[in-house]
Protein backbone atom coordinates (compact mmCIF):
# COMPACT_ATOMS: atom_id res chain seq x y z
CA UNK A 1 -80.17 152.01 223.91
CA UNK A 2 -80.05 152.75 227.61
CA UNK A 3 -77.26 155.10 228.61
CA UNK A 4 -75.49 154.25 231.85
CA UNK A 5 -74.70 157.20 234.06
CA UNK A 6 -71.00 157.76 234.58
CA UNK A 7 -71.31 156.97 238.30
CA UNK A 8 -73.28 153.77 237.68
CA UNK A 9 -70.63 152.10 235.52
CA UNK A 10 -67.84 152.00 238.14
CA UNK A 11 -70.32 150.89 240.80
CA UNK A 12 -71.61 148.06 238.63
CA UNK A 13 -68.09 147.03 237.70
CA UNK A 14 -66.96 146.95 241.33
CA UNK A 15 -70.05 144.97 242.35
CA UNK A 16 -69.43 142.33 239.70
CA UNK A 17 -65.73 142.18 240.53
CA UNK A 18 -66.62 141.63 244.19
CA UNK A 19 -68.98 138.84 243.15
CA UNK A 20 -66.22 137.30 241.08
CA UNK A 21 -63.80 137.41 244.02
CA UNK A 22 -66.40 135.77 246.28
CA UNK A 23 -67.01 133.01 243.75
CA UNK A 24 -63.27 132.35 243.48
CA UNK A 25 -62.87 132.23 247.26
CA UNK A 26 -65.86 129.93 247.87
CA UNK A 27 -65.05 126.22 248.16
CA UNK A 28 -66.63 124.03 245.51
CA UNK A 29 -68.93 121.17 246.37
CA UNK A 30 -68.45 117.66 245.04
CA UNK A 31 -64.78 116.97 245.69
CA UNK A 32 -63.30 119.93 243.87
CA UNK A 33 -65.30 119.58 240.65
CA UNK A 34 -66.91 122.88 239.67
CA UNK A 35 -70.63 122.53 238.87
CA UNK A 36 -71.69 123.64 235.40
CA UNK A 37 -73.92 126.49 236.61
CA UNK A 38 -71.18 127.89 238.83
CA UNK A 39 -68.75 127.77 235.91
CA UNK A 40 -71.29 129.51 233.70
CA UNK A 41 -71.84 132.30 236.22
CA UNK A 42 -68.13 132.75 236.81
CA UNK A 43 -67.46 132.93 233.08
CA UNK A 44 -70.27 135.43 232.51
CA UNK A 45 -69.14 137.70 235.35
CA UNK A 46 -65.56 137.62 234.07
CA UNK A 47 -66.72 138.37 230.52
CA UNK A 48 -68.92 141.21 231.70
CA UNK A 49 -66.11 142.75 233.73
CA UNK A 50 -63.77 142.46 230.73
CA UNK A 51 -66.37 144.06 228.43
CA UNK A 52 -66.95 146.91 230.88
CA UNK A 53 -63.22 147.58 231.13
CA UNK A 54 -62.87 147.50 227.33
CA UNK A 55 -65.78 149.91 226.98
CA UNK A 56 -64.28 152.31 229.47
CA UNK A 57 -60.88 152.11 227.75
CA UNK A 58 -62.42 152.83 224.35
CA UNK A 59 -64.36 155.78 225.79
CA UNK A 60 -61.23 157.28 227.31
CA UNK A 61 -59.35 156.81 224.05
CA UNK A 62 -62.18 158.52 222.17
CA UNK A 63 -62.01 161.48 224.53
CA UNK A 64 -58.30 161.69 223.82
CA UNK A 65 -59.01 161.55 220.08
CA UNK A 66 -57.31 158.17 219.64
CA UNK A 67 -60.32 155.94 218.90
CA UNK A 68 -62.92 155.79 216.20
CA UNK A 69 -66.51 156.58 217.23
CA UNK A 70 -67.73 153.28 215.79
CA UNK A 71 -65.28 151.34 217.98
CA UNK A 72 -66.55 153.19 221.03
CA UNK A 73 -70.18 152.51 220.18
CA UNK A 74 -69.45 148.81 219.59
CA UNK A 75 -67.56 148.49 222.87
CA UNK A 76 -70.24 150.29 224.86
CA UNK A 77 -73.01 148.25 223.23
CA UNK A 78 -71.18 144.98 223.98
CA UNK A 79 -70.67 146.03 227.60
CA UNK A 80 -74.32 147.01 227.94
CA UNK A 81 -75.52 143.69 226.50
CA UNK A 82 -73.20 141.72 228.80
CA UNK A 83 -74.38 143.68 231.83
CA UNK A 84 -78.04 143.18 230.86
CA UNK A 85 -77.47 139.43 230.46
CA UNK A 86 -75.82 139.07 233.87
CA UNK A 87 -78.50 141.24 235.48
CA UNK A 88 -81.25 139.12 233.92
CA UNK A 89 -79.65 135.92 235.23
CA UNK A 90 -79.29 137.49 238.68
CA UNK A 91 -82.97 138.51 238.65
CA UNK A 92 -84.02 134.99 237.67
CA UNK A 93 -81.89 133.42 240.42
CA UNK A 94 -83.40 135.78 243.00
CA UNK A 95 -86.88 135.00 241.73
CA UNK A 96 -86.25 131.26 241.95
CA UNK A 97 -84.88 131.64 245.47
CA UNK A 98 -87.97 133.59 246.53
CA UNK A 99 -90.22 130.90 245.04
CA UNK A 100 -88.38 128.21 246.98
CA UNK A 101 -88.68 130.21 250.21
CA UNK A 102 -92.46 130.49 249.71
CA UNK A 103 -92.88 126.71 249.42
CA UNK A 104 -94.45 125.04 252.44
CA UNK A 105 -92.25 122.54 254.20
């Protein structure tokens, strides 16, 4: 299991929250109907942010002696998996964009 540095977690959380705010502020194409992929991304970013907050809350409670170690490990693992999933999707989107840009017109 990869351990996130304490400084990396708040940075990642703020980056994904900023992405979520941008997606909420952006107008949707197609007469107000939200495309399926956009909905998927929005849902995944929201879920990841929620998981990261829950992980941080459980960690703080463990430091205060109010949470079980197993709960902390489960919360951190869930947050890590969510972050890895969103990062993998982001990497694939960037890769696809780069492929499109290399195509001759």
